[in-house]
C-alpha atoms as a PDB file:
ATOM      1  CA  MET A   1       0.058  -0.172  -0.122  1.00  0.00           C
ATOM      2  CA  SER A   2       1.505   3.378  -0.834  1.00  0.00           C
ATOM      3  CA  ASN A   3       1.377   6.371   0.908  1.00  0.00           C
ATOM      4  CA  LEU A   4       0.648   9.930   0.226  1.00  0.00           C
ATOM      5  CA  VAL A   5       2.773  13.064   1.371  1.00  0.00           C
ATOM      6  CA  ILE A   6       1.481  15.965   2.606  1.00  0.00           C
ATOM      7  CA  ASN A   7       2.707  19.127   0.799  1.00  0.00           C
ATOM      8  CA  LYS A   8       0.530  21.541   2.805  1.00  0.00           C
ATOM      9  CA  VAL A   9      -2.134  21.594   5.327  1.00  0.00           C
ATOM     10  CA  LEU A  10      -4.721  24.455   4.248  1.00  0.00           C
ATOM     11  CA  ASN A  11      -7.310  23.717   7.122  1.00  0.00           C
ATOM     12  CA  ASN A  12      -8.631  21.223   9.332  1.00  0.00           C
ATOM     13  CA  ASN A  13     -10.610  19.532   6.600  1.00  0.00           C
ATOM     14  CA  VAL A  14      -8.117  20.254   3.290  1.00  0.00           C
ATOM     15  CA  ILE A  15      -4.823  19.227   2.467  1.00  0.00           C
ATOM     16  CA  ILE A  16      -2.706  19.372  -0.459  1.00  0.00           C
ATOM     17  CA  ALA A  17      -0.831  15.967  -1.114  1.00  0.00           C
ATOM     18  CA  ASP A  18       1.220  14.142  -3.521  1.00  0.00           C
ATOM     19  CA  HIS A  19      -0.564  11.173  -5.000  1.00  0.00           C
ATOM     20  CA  PRO A  20       1.624   7.936  -6.464  1.00  0.00           C
ATOM     21  CA  ASP A  21      -0.919   7.528  -9.343  1.00  0.00           C
ATOM     22  CA  HIS A  22      -2.412  11.260  -9.606  1.00  0.00           C
ATOM     23  CA  GLY A  23       0.535  13.703  -8.607  1.00  0.00           C
ATOM     24  CA  GLU A  24      -0.505  16.813  -6.544  1.00  0.00           C
ATOM     25  CA  VAL A  25      -4.173  16.386  -5.293  1.00  0.00           C
ATOM     26  CA  VAL A  26      -6.397  18.103  -2.800  1.00  0.00           C
ATOM     27  CA  LEU A  27      -7.945  16.067  -0.370  1.00  0.00           C
ATOM     28  CA  ILE A  28     -11.337  16.989   1.459  1.00  0.00           C
ATOM     29  CA  GLY A  29     -12.376  15.179   4.464  1.00  0.00           C
ATOM     30  CA  LYS A  30     -13.679  16.214   7.921  1.00  0.00           C
ATOM     31  CA  GLY A  31     -10.808  16.646  10.295  1.00  0.00           C
ATOM     32  CA  ILE A  32      -8.116  15.144   8.009  1.00  0.00           C
ATOM     33  CA  GLY A  33      -5.823  18.322   8.392  1.00  0.00           C
ATOM     34  CA  PHE A  34      -6.013  18.388  12.276  1.00  0.00           C
ATOM     35  CA  ASN A  35      -2.478  17.746  13.703  1.00  0.00           C
ATOM     36  CA  ARG A  36      -0.977  17.017  10.585  1.00  0.00           C
ATOM     37  CA  LYS A  37       2.160  18.939   8.890  1.00  0.00           C
ATOM     38  CA  GLN A  38       4.104  19.025   5.859  1.00  0.00           C
ATOM     39  CA  ASN A  39       5.938  15.947   5.041  1.00  0.00           C
ATOM     40  CA  ASP A  40       3.602  13.468   7.013  1.00  0.00           C
ATOM     41  CA  LEU A  41       2.593  10.410   5.354  1.00  0.00           C
ATOM     42  CA  LEU A  42      -0.950   9.506   5.031  1.00  0.00           C
ATOM     43  CA  GLU A  43      -2.185   6.100   4.175  1.00  0.00           C
ATOM     44  CA  GLU A  44      -3.512   5.635   0.756  1.00  0.00           C
ATOM     45  CA  THR A  45      -6.429   3.645   2.697  1.00  0.00           C
ATOM     46  CA  THR A  46      -7.261   7.145   4.531  1.00  0.00           C
ATOM     47  CA  ALA A  47      -7.959   8.626   1.193  1.00  0.00           C
ATOM     48  CA  GLU A  48     -10.612   6.214   0.129  1.00  0.00           C
ATOM     49  CA  LYS A  49     -12.579   7.798   2.583  1.00  0.00           C
ATOM     50  CA  LEU A  50     -12.137  11.273   1.578  1.00  0.00           C
ATOM     51  CA  PHE A  51     -12.696  13.086  -1.622  1.00  0.00           C
ATOM     52  CA  VAL A  52      -9.769  13.501  -3.984  1.00  0.00           C
ATOM     53  CA  LEU A  53      -9.745  16.441  -6.607  1.00  0.00           C
ATOM     54  CA  ARG A  54      -7.718  15.480  -9.247  1.00  0.00           C
ATOM     55  CA  ASN A  55      -8.756  18.334 -11.701  1.00  0.00           C
ATOM     56  CA  GLU A  56      -6.733  21.186 -11.458  1.00  0.00           C
ATOM     57  CA  LYS A  57      -9.313  23.591 -12.293  1.00  0.00           C
ATOM     58  CA  GLU A  58     -11.354  22.318  -9.783  1.00  0.00           C
ATOM     59  CA  GLN A  59      -8.574  22.134  -7.182  1.00  0.00           C
ATOM     60  CA  LYS A  60      -7.940  26.219  -7.665  1.00  0.00           C
ATOM     61  CA  ASN A  61     -11.409  26.948  -7.569  1.00  0.00           C
ATOM     62  CA  TYR A  62     -12.177  25.053  -4.475  1.00  0.00           C
ATOM     63  CA  ILE A  63      -9.026  26.633  -2.948  1.00  0.00           C
ATOM     64  CA  LYS A  64     -10.278  30.181  -3.741  1.00  0.00           C
ATOM     65  CA  LEU A  65     -13.450  29.324  -1.896  1.00  0.00           C
ATOM     66  CA  LEU A  66     -11.672  28.505   1.660  1.00  0.00           C
ATOM     67  CA  PRO A  67     -10.993  31.933   3.003  1.00  0.00           C
ATOM     68  CA  TYR A  68     -14.911  32.514   3.046  1.00  0.00           C
ATOM     69  CA  LEU A  69     -15.604  29.267   4.212  1.00  0.00           C
ATOM     70  CA  GLU A  70     -16.077  28.473   7.957  1.00  0.00           C
ATOM     71  CA  ASP A  71     -14.841  25.419   9.153  1.00  0.00           C
ATOM     72  CA  ASP A  72     -18.207  24.090  10.658  1.00  0.00           C
ATOM     73  CA  LEU A  73     -20.239  24.894   7.389  1.00  0.00           C
ATOM     74  CA  GLN A  74     -17.293  23.375   5.352  1.00  0.00           C
ATOM     75  CA  ARG A  75     -17.796  20.165   7.471  1.00  0.00           C
ATOM     76  CA  VAL A  76     -21.187  20.016   7.087  1.00  0.00           C
ATOM     77  CA  ILE A  77     -21.032  20.388   3.300  1.00  0.00           C
ATOM     78  CA  ILE A  78     -18.550  17.463   3.243  1.00  0.00           C
ATOM     79  CA  SER A  79     -21.182  15.431   5.077  1.00  0.00           C
ATOM     80  CA  ALA A  80     -23.868  16.511   2.483  1.00  0.00           C
ATOM     81  CA  ILE A  81     -21.862  15.412  -0.444  1.00  0.00           C
ATOM     82  CA  GLU A  82     -20.866  12.077   1.516  1.00  0.00           C
ATOM     83  CA  LEU A  83     -24.591  11.619   1.805  1.00  0.00           C
ATOM     84  CA  ILE A  84     -25.258  12.325  -2.065  1.00  0.00           C
ATOM     85  CA  LYS A  85     -22.218   9.983  -3.098  1.00  0.00           C
ATOM     86  CA  ASN A  86     -23.422   7.045  -0.674  1.00  0.00           C
ATOM     87  CA  LYS A  87     -27.013   7.402  -2.382  1.00  0.00           C
ATOM     88  CA  THR A  88     -26.123   7.819  -5.735  1.00  0.00           C
ATOM     89  CA  VAL A  89     -24.832   4.970  -8.241  1.00  0.00           C
ATOM     90  CA  GLY A  90     -21.750   5.679  -9.938  1.00  0.00           C
ATOM     91  CA  GLU A  91     -18.820   8.494  -9.661  1.00  0.00           C
ATOM     92  CA  LEU A  92     -19.754  11.943  -8.588  1.00  0.00           C
ATOM     93  CA  ASN A  93     -18.201  14.609 -10.965  1.00  0.00           C
ATOM     94  CA  GLU A  94     -15.671  16.271  -8.769  1.00  0.00           C
ATOM     95  CA  HIS A  95     -17.186  19.871  -9.788  1.00  0.00           C
ATOM     96  CA  ILE A  96     -20.048  19.134  -7.303  1.00  0.00           C
ATOM     97  CA  HIS A  97     -17.535  20.362  -4.437  1.00  0.00           C
ATOM     98  CA  VAL A  98     -17.152  23.772  -5.947  1.00  0.00           C
ATOM     99  CA  ALA A  99     -20.402  24.127  -7.088  1.00  0.00           C
ATOM    100  CA  LEU A 100     -22.286  22.928  -4.565  1.00  0.00           C
ATOM    101  CA  THR A 101     -20.052  24.634  -1.478  1.00  0.00           C
ATOM    102  CA  ASP A 102     -20.246  27.749  -3.516  1.00  0.00           C
ATOM    103  CA  HIS A 103     -23.986  27.711  -4.026  1.00  0.00           C
ATOM    104  CA  LEU A 104     -24.725  26.683  -0.223  1.00  0.00           C
ATOM    105  CA  MET A 105     -22.446  29.550   1.099  1.00  0.00           C
ATOM    106  CA  PHE A 106     -24.048  32.030  -1.060  1.00  0.00           C
ATOM    107  CA  THR A 107     -27.668  30.949  -0.292  1.00  0.00           C
ATOM    108  CA  ILE A 108     -27.166  30.547   3.524  1.00  0.00           C
ATOM    109  CA  SER A 109     -25.725  34.034   3.658  1.00  0.00           C
ATOM    110  CA  ARG A 110     -28.477  35.588   2.032  1.00  0.00           C
ATOM    111  CA  VAL A 111     -31.045  33.501   4.297  1.00  0.00           C
ATOM    112  CA  SER A 112     -29.192  34.644   7.238  1.00  0.00           C
ATOM    113  CA  GLN A 113     -29.795  38.373   5.974  1.00  0.00           C
ATOM    114  CA  GLY A 114     -33.561  37.583   5.852  1.00  0.00           C
ATOM    115  CA  MET A 115     -33.487  37.602   2.147  1.00  0.00           C
ATOM    116  CA  GLU A 116     -36.252  35.523   0.050  1.00  0.00           C
ATOM    117  CA  ILE A 117     -35.441  33.023  -2.123  1.00  0.00           C
ATOM    118  CA  ARG A 118     -37.666  32.122  -5.060  1.00  0.00           C
ATOM    119  CA  ASN A 119     -37.384  29.011  -7.239  1.00  0.00           C
ATOM    120  CA  PRO A 120     -39.599  29.682 -10.440  1.00  0.00           C
ATOM    121  CA  PHE A 121     -38.550  25.759 -11.691  1.00  0.00           C
ATOM    122  CA  LEU A 122     -39.287  24.027  -8.385  1.00  0.00           C
ATOM    123  CA  ILE A 123     -42.437  22.130  -9.549  1.00  0.00           C
ATOM    124  CA  GLU A 124     -40.703  20.994 -12.669  1.00  0.00           C
ATOM    125  CA  THR A 125     -37.625  20.026 -11.185  1.00  0.00           C
ATOM    126  CA  LYS A 126     -39.488  18.039  -8.802  1.00  0.00           C
ATOM    127  CA  ALA A 127     -41.261  16.231 -11.648  1.00  0.00           C
ATOM    128  CA  LEU A 128     -38.153  15.910 -13.681  1.00  0.00           C
ATOM    129  CA  TYR A 129     -35.634  14.528 -11.307  1.00  0.00           C
ATOM    130  CA  PRO A 130     -37.764  13.020  -8.146  1.00  0.00           C
ATOM    131  CA  LYS A 131     -34.712  11.111  -6.829  1.00  0.00           C
ATOM    132  CA  GLU A 132     -32.517  13.939  -6.668  1.00  0.00           C
ATOM    133  CA  TYR A 133     -35.540  16.049  -5.390  1.00  0.00           C
ATOM    134  CA  GLY A 134     -35.437  13.527  -2.376  1.00  0.00           C
ATOM    135  CA  LEU A 135     -31.880  13.651  -1.688  1.00  0.00           C
ATOM    136  CA  ALA A 136     -31.916  17.523  -1.934  1.00  0.00           C
ATOM    137  CA  LYS A 137     -34.657  17.441   0.928  1.00  0.00           C
ATOM    138  CA  GLU A 138     -32.246  15.213   2.891  1.00  0.00           C
ATOM    139  CA  VAL A 139     -29.328  17.781   2.594  1.00  0.00           C
ATOM    140  CA  ILE A 140     -31.814  20.341   3.632  1.00  0.00           C
ATOM    141  CA  ALA A 141     -32.667  18.577   7.089  1.00  0.00           C
ATOM    142  CA  LEU A 142     -28.544  17.750   7.350  1.00  0.00           C
ATOM    143  CA  LEU A 143     -28.107  21.438   7.266  1.00  0.00           C
ATOM    144  CA  SER A 144     -30.914  22.206   9.770  1.00  0.00           C
ATOM    145  CA  GLU A 145     -29.802  19.670  12.269  1.00  0.00           C
ATOM    146  CA  LYS A 146     -26.031  20.185  12.207  1.00  0.00           C
ATOM    147  CA  SER A 147     -25.924  24.071  11.374  1.00  0.00           C
ATOM    148  CA  GLN A 148     -29.551  25.247  12.410  1.00  0.00           C
ATOM    149  CA  VAL A 149     -29.924  26.851   8.939  1.00  0.00           C
ATOM    150  CA  ASP A 150     -33.410  26.491   7.733  1.00  0.00           C
ATOM    151  CA  LEU A 151     -33.531  26.498   4.008  1.00  0.00           C
ATOM    152  CA  PRO A 152     -36.721  27.094   2.195  1.00  0.00           C
ATOM    153  CA  GLU A 153     -38.253  24.372  -0.012  1.00  0.00           C
ATOM    154  CA  GLY A 154     -37.427  26.150  -3.434  1.00  0.00           C
ATOM    155  CA  GLU A 155     -33.767  25.674  -2.255  1.00  0.00           C
ATOM    156  CA  ALA A 156     -34.236  21.938  -2.495  1.00  0.00           C
ATOM    157  CA  GLY A 157     -35.024  22.276  -6.360  1.00  0.00           C
ATOM    158  CA  PHE A 158     -31.743  24.144  -6.745  1.00  0.00           C
ATOM    159  CA  ILE A 159     -29.529  21.340  -4.573  1.00  0.00           C
ATOM    160  CA  ALA A 160     -31.562  18.646  -6.926  1.00  0.00           C
ATOM    161  CA  LEU A 161     -30.111  20.288 -10.139  1.00  0.00           C
ATOM    162  CA  HIS A 162     -26.477  20.185  -8.672  1.00  0.00           C
ATOM    163  CA  ILE A 163     -27.044  16.587  -7.857  1.00  0.00           C
ATOM    164  CA  HIS A 164     -28.269  15.747 -11.175  1.00  0.00           C
ATOM    165  CA  SER A 165     -25.546  17.582 -12.693  1.00  0.00           C
ATOM    166  CA  ALA A 166     -22.839  15.598 -10.694  1.00  0.00           C
ATOM    167  CA  VAL A 167     -24.402  12.153 -11.344  1.00  0.00           C
ATOM    168  CA  THR A 168     -24.980  12.440 -15.194  1.00  0.00           C
ATOM    169  CA  ASN A 169     -21.740  14.685 -15.768  1.00  0.00           C
ATOM    170  CA  LYS A 170     -23.753  17.303 -17.395  1.00  0.00           C
ATOM    171  CA  GLU A 171     -22.828  20.674 -17.213  1.00  0.00           C
ATOM    172  CA  LEU A 172     -25.508  22.570 -14.637  1.00  0.00           C
ATOM    173  CA  SER A 173     -25.820  25.167 -17.473  1.00  0.00           C
ATOM    174  CA  GLU A 174     -27.253  22.211 -19.764  1.00  0.00           C
ATOM    175  CA  VAL A 175     -29.594  20.843 -16.828  1.00  0.00           C
ATOM    176  CA  ASN A 176     -30.860  24.345 -16.097  1.00  0.00           C
ATOM    177  CA  GLN A 177     -31.619  24.906 -19.749  1.00  0.00           C
ATOM    178  CA  HIS A 178     -33.622  21.739 -19.798  1.00  0.00           C
ATOM    179  CA  SER A 179     -35.871  22.576 -16.657  1.00  0.00           C
ATOM    180  CA  GLN A 180     -36.374  26.151 -18.170  1.00  0.00           C
ATOM    181  CA  LEU A 181     -37.296  24.693 -21.567  1.00  0.00           C
ATOM    182  CA  VAL A 182     -39.909  22.182 -19.860  1.00  0.00           C
ATOM    183  CA  THR A 183     -41.321  24.962 -17.710  1.00  0.00           C
ATOM    184  CA  LYS A 184     -41.799  27.332 -20.931  1.00  0.00           C
ATOM    185  CA  LEU A 185     -43.505  24.103 -22.976  1.00  0.00           C
ATOM    186  CA  VAL A 186     -45.904  23.752 -20.220  1.00  0.00           C
ATOM    187  CA  GLN A 187     -46.887  27.145 -19.833  1.00  0.00           C
ATOM    188  CA  MET A 188     -47.497  27.427 -23.602  1.00  0.00           C
ATOM    189  CA  ILE A 189     -49.602  24.247 -23.136  1.00  0.00           C
ATOM    190  CA  GLU A 190     -51.446  25.628 -20.813  1.00  0.00           C
ATOM    191  CA  GLU A 191     -52.165  28.802 -22.799  1.00  0.00           C
ATOM    192  CA  GLN A 192     -52.833  27.474 -25.949  1.00  0.00           C
ATOM    193  CA  LEU A 193     -55.325  24.914 -24.596  1.00  0.00           C
ATOM    194  CA  GLY A 194     -56.887  27.179 -22.112  1.00  0.00           C
ATOM    195  CA  ILE A 195     -56.283  24.746 -19.221  1.00  0.00           C
ATOM    196  CA  SER A 196     -54.538  24.661 -15.687  1.00  0.00           C
ATOM    197  CA  ILE A 197     -52.809  21.395 -15.207  1.00  0.00           C
ATOM    198  CA  ASP A 198     -52.795  20.347 -11.307  1.00  0.00           C
ATOM    199  CA  LYS A 199     -49.162  20.019 -10.730  1.00  0.00           C
ATOM    200  CA  ASP A 200     -49.402  17.620  -8.089  1.00  0.00           C
ATOM    201  CA  SER A 201     -51.296  15.030 -10.706  1.00  0.00           C
ATOM    202  CA  ILE A 202     -49.930  11.881 -12.178  1.00  0.00           C
ATOM    203  CA  ASP A 203     -50.658  13.471 -15.558  1.00  0.00           C
ATOM    204  CA  TYR A 204     -48.600  16.402 -15.147  1.00  0.00           C
ATOM    205  CA  MET A 205     -45.633  14.047 -14.081  1.00  0.00           C
ATOM    206  CA  ARG A 206     -46.276  11.974 -17.251  1.00  0.00           C
ATOM    207  CA  LEU A 207     -46.322  15.059 -19.501  1.00  0.00           C
ATOM    208  CA  VAL A 208     -43.072  16.595 -17.769  1.00  0.00           C
ATOM    209  CA  ARG A 209     -41.310  13.034 -18.210  1.00  0.00           C
ATOM    210  CA  HIS A 210     -42.335  12.708 -21.844  1.00  0.00           C
ATOM    211  CA  LEU A 211     -40.942  16.379 -22.740  1.00  0.00           C
ATOM    212  CA  ARG A 212     -37.900  15.508 -20.540  1.00  0.00           C
ATOM    213  CA  PHE A 213     -37.601  12.248 -22.474  1.00  0.00           C
ATOM    214  CA  ALA A 214     -37.973  13.734 -25.957  1.00  0.00           C
ATOM    215  CA  ILE A 215     -35.404  16.769 -24.963  1.00  0.00           C
ATOM    216  CA  GLU A 216     -32.932  14.021 -24.185  1.00  0.00           C
ATOM    217  CA  ARG A 217     -33.548  11.953 -27.655  1.00  0.00           C
ATOM    218  CA  VAL A 218     -33.375  15.443 -29.744  1.00  0.00           C
ATOM    219  CA  LYS A 219     -29.820  16.058 -27.808  1.00  0.00           C
ATOM    220  CA  ASN A 220     -28.813  12.649 -28.702  1.00  0.00           C
ATOM    221  CA  GLY A 221     -30.086  12.729 -32.161  1.00  0.00           C
ATOM    222  CA  GLU A 222     -31.882   9.623 -31.507  1.00  0.00           C
ATOM    223  CA  LYS A 223     -34.829   8.926 -34.152  1.00  0.00           C
ATOM    224  CA  VAL A 224     -38.150   7.750 -33.091  1.00  0.00           C
ATOM    225  CA  GLU A 225     -40.224   5.794 -35.625  1.00  0.00           C
ATOM    226  CA  GLU A 226     -43.337   7.356 -37.104  1.00  0.00           C
ATOM    227  CA  PRO A 227     -46.516   5.391 -37.386  1.00  0.00           C
ATOM    228  CA  GLU A 228     -47.735   6.768 -40.640  1.00  0.00           C
ATOM    229  CA  LYS A 229     -51.262   5.816 -40.386  1.00  0.00           C
ATOM    230  CA  ILE A 230     -51.531   7.484 -36.929  1.00  0.00           C
ATOM    231  CA  THR A 231     -50.141  10.792 -37.980  1.00  0.00           C
ATOM    232  CA  SER A 232     -52.905  11.355 -40.589  1.00  0.00           C
ATOM    233  CA  LEU A 233     -55.460  10.286 -38.263  1.00  0.00           C
ATOM    234  CA  LEU A 234     -54.294  12.638 -35.216  1.00  0.00           C
ATOM    235  CA  LYS A 235     -53.902  15.809 -37.880  1.00  0.00           C
ATOM    236  CA  GLU A 236     -57.691  15.048 -38.917  1.00  0.00           C
ATOM    237  CA  GLU A 237     -59.114  13.982 -35.365  1.00  0.00           C
ATOM    238  CA  TYR A 238     -57.059  16.480 -33.343  1.00  0.00           C
ATOM    239  CA  PRO A 239     -55.948  19.281 -35.197  1.00  0.00           C
ATOM    240  CA  LEU A 240     -55.634  21.980 -32.069  1.00  0.00           C
ATOM    241  CA  CYS A 241     -53.323  19.274 -30.327  1.00  0.00           C
ATOM    242  CA  TYR A 242     -51.302  18.700 -33.265  1.00  0.00           C
ATOM    243  CA  ASN A 243     -50.737  21.811 -34.332  1.00  0.00           C
ATOM    244  CA  LEU A 244     -49.780  22.742 -30.473  1.00  0.00           C
ATOM    245  CA  SER A 245     -47.224  19.862 -30.818  1.00  0.00           C
ATOM    246  CA  TRP A 246     -45.529  21.313 -33.729  1.00  0.00           C
ATOM    247  CA  LYS A 247     -45.352  24.789 -31.970  1.00  0.00           C
ATOM    248  CA  LEU A 248     -43.602  23.165 -29.155  1.00  0.00           C
ATOM    249  CA  ILE A 249     -41.292  21.295 -31.356  1.00  0.00           C
ATOM    250  CA  LYS A 250     -40.450  24.631 -32.854  1.00  0.00           C
ATOM    251  CA  VAL A 251     -39.472  25.994 -29.540  1.00  0.00           C
ATOM    252  CA  MET A 252     -37.455  22.853 -28.897  1.00  0.00           C
ATOM    253  CA  GLN A 253     -35.586  23.191 -32.106  1.00  0.00           C
ATOM    254  CA  GLN A 254     -34.802  26.655 -31.550  1.00  0.00           C
ATOM    255  CA  THR A 255     -33.669  26.462 -27.946  1.00  0.00           C
ATOM    256  CA  LEU A 256     -31.335  23.080 -28.331  1.00  0.00           C
ATOM    257  CA  LYS A 257     -30.324  23.956 -31.891  1.00  0.00           C
ATOM    258  CA  LYS A 258     -30.892  20.432 -33.103  1.00  0.00           C
ATOM    259  CA  PRO A 259     -33.562  18.928 -35.713  1.00  0.00           C
ATOM    260  CA  VAL A 260     -36.562  17.181 -34.168  1.00  0.00           C
ATOM    261  CA  PHE A 261     -38.128  13.946 -35.875  1.00  0.00           C
ATOM    262  CA  ASP A 262     -41.534  14.326 -37.265  1.00  0.00           C
ATOM    263  CA  ALA A 263     -42.525  11.493 -34.828  1.00  0.00           C
ATOM    264  CA  GLU A 264     -42.296  13.402 -31.775  1.00  0.00           C
ATOM    265  CA  ALA A 265     -45.139  15.542 -32.913  1.00  0.00           C
ATOM    266  CA  VAL A 266     -47.391  12.280 -33.002  1.00  0.00           C
ATOM    267  CA  TYR A 267     -46.246  11.112 -29.565  1.00  0.00           C
ATOM    268  CA  ILE A 268     -46.749  15.060 -28.079  1.00  0.00           C
ATOM    269  CA  THR A 269     -50.113  15.009 -29.803  1.00  0.00           C
ATOM    270  CA  MET A 270     -51.242  11.902 -27.784  1.00  0.00           C
ATOM    271  CA  HIS A 271     -50.226  13.304 -24.546  1.00  0.00           C
ATOM    272  CA  LEU A 272     -51.764  16.737 -25.106  1.00  0.00           C
ATOM    273  CA  GLN A 273     -55.200  14.915 -26.184  1.00  0.00           C
ATOM    274  CA  ARG A 274     -55.110  12.720 -23.037  1.00  0.00           C
ATOM    275  CA  LEU A 275     -54.503  15.735 -21.080  1.00  0.00           C
ATOM    276  CA  GLN A 276     -57.075  18.024 -22.564  1.00  0.00           C
ATOM    277  CA  LYS A 277     -59.707  15.095 -22.328  1.00  0.00           C
ATOM    278  CA  LYS A 278     -59.218  14.929 -18.407  1.00  0.00           C
ATOM    279  CA  ILE A 279     -59.257  18.479 -17.755  1.00  0.00           C
ATOM    280  CA  LYS A 280     -61.970  19.612 -19.711  1.00  0.00           C
END
C-alpha cells in the first residue's frame, strides 16, 4: 500500500498531497488536516474515505473558496456530499465540491440576511428529477440539524439540479436549460389549450417526463419511428393538439439548436389530447 505525502495543510478539512498515481491532489475530509504537518505520510486507505480532487481547475476553484468558508459549515457540506455519494450510483463529478459549496455559502448568507429565495422552476424540477429532489430534501434536513440553518423548499430544487448535474456528468447550465425549457413548454400548453394543469397530478408528471425524454432524444439525435397511419388520423381528429405539438417542437428546435424528428409530434399530440380530455 503506497502512501501520500502531505505538501500543505490548508485547514482542518483540506490538505494538498502528492498522490502516487495522480500527482498533486487536494484531499477533502472532515478533520483530515487536524494535527498534521508538511511531509507527514498519509496512508492511501485514508484517502478512500476522502474526496480527492484531481482536476487542476477544480482544485484551484475550491481553494479560492476556503478563505470565505467557515470550518463548521465546510464540515456540514462535506457530510452533505458524502450523503449524496452514498445514495447515488456511479462516480460524482468532482465539480460538485466547488459548485455546491459555493452555492450553499451564497444561499446561507442570503437567508441569514433575511432575503427571500424564490425558485420559479421548483415544480418542474420536482417532477423531472424526483430522486435527486428527495436527496436534496435530506441535504436540507442535514443542514438544519447540524448548522441550525433552515432553507426554504425552493432551495431543494436548486440542490437537486446540482446533484443531477454531478451524477449525470452534465454541465449545470445544460441541466438548467432543460428544466427552463420544460417550464416554457408547459406554460405554452396551458395557454394554448386554455387549461390549468394540476402540478401534483400524475398527468403532469407524465407530461413533464415525456417532454424531458423528448429533449434527451433530440440532444442525442435519437430517431423515433413514425407511425404513418396515426399521423394522418391525429391531424384530422385533433388538429388543435397536433398544431400545438408542432409549435412546441419549434421551440425545442430553437432552444436546443438541433432538428426534431416528425414522430415526436405524434407522441406529444397523444399526450396533449389525453390531458385535454381529462381536464375539460
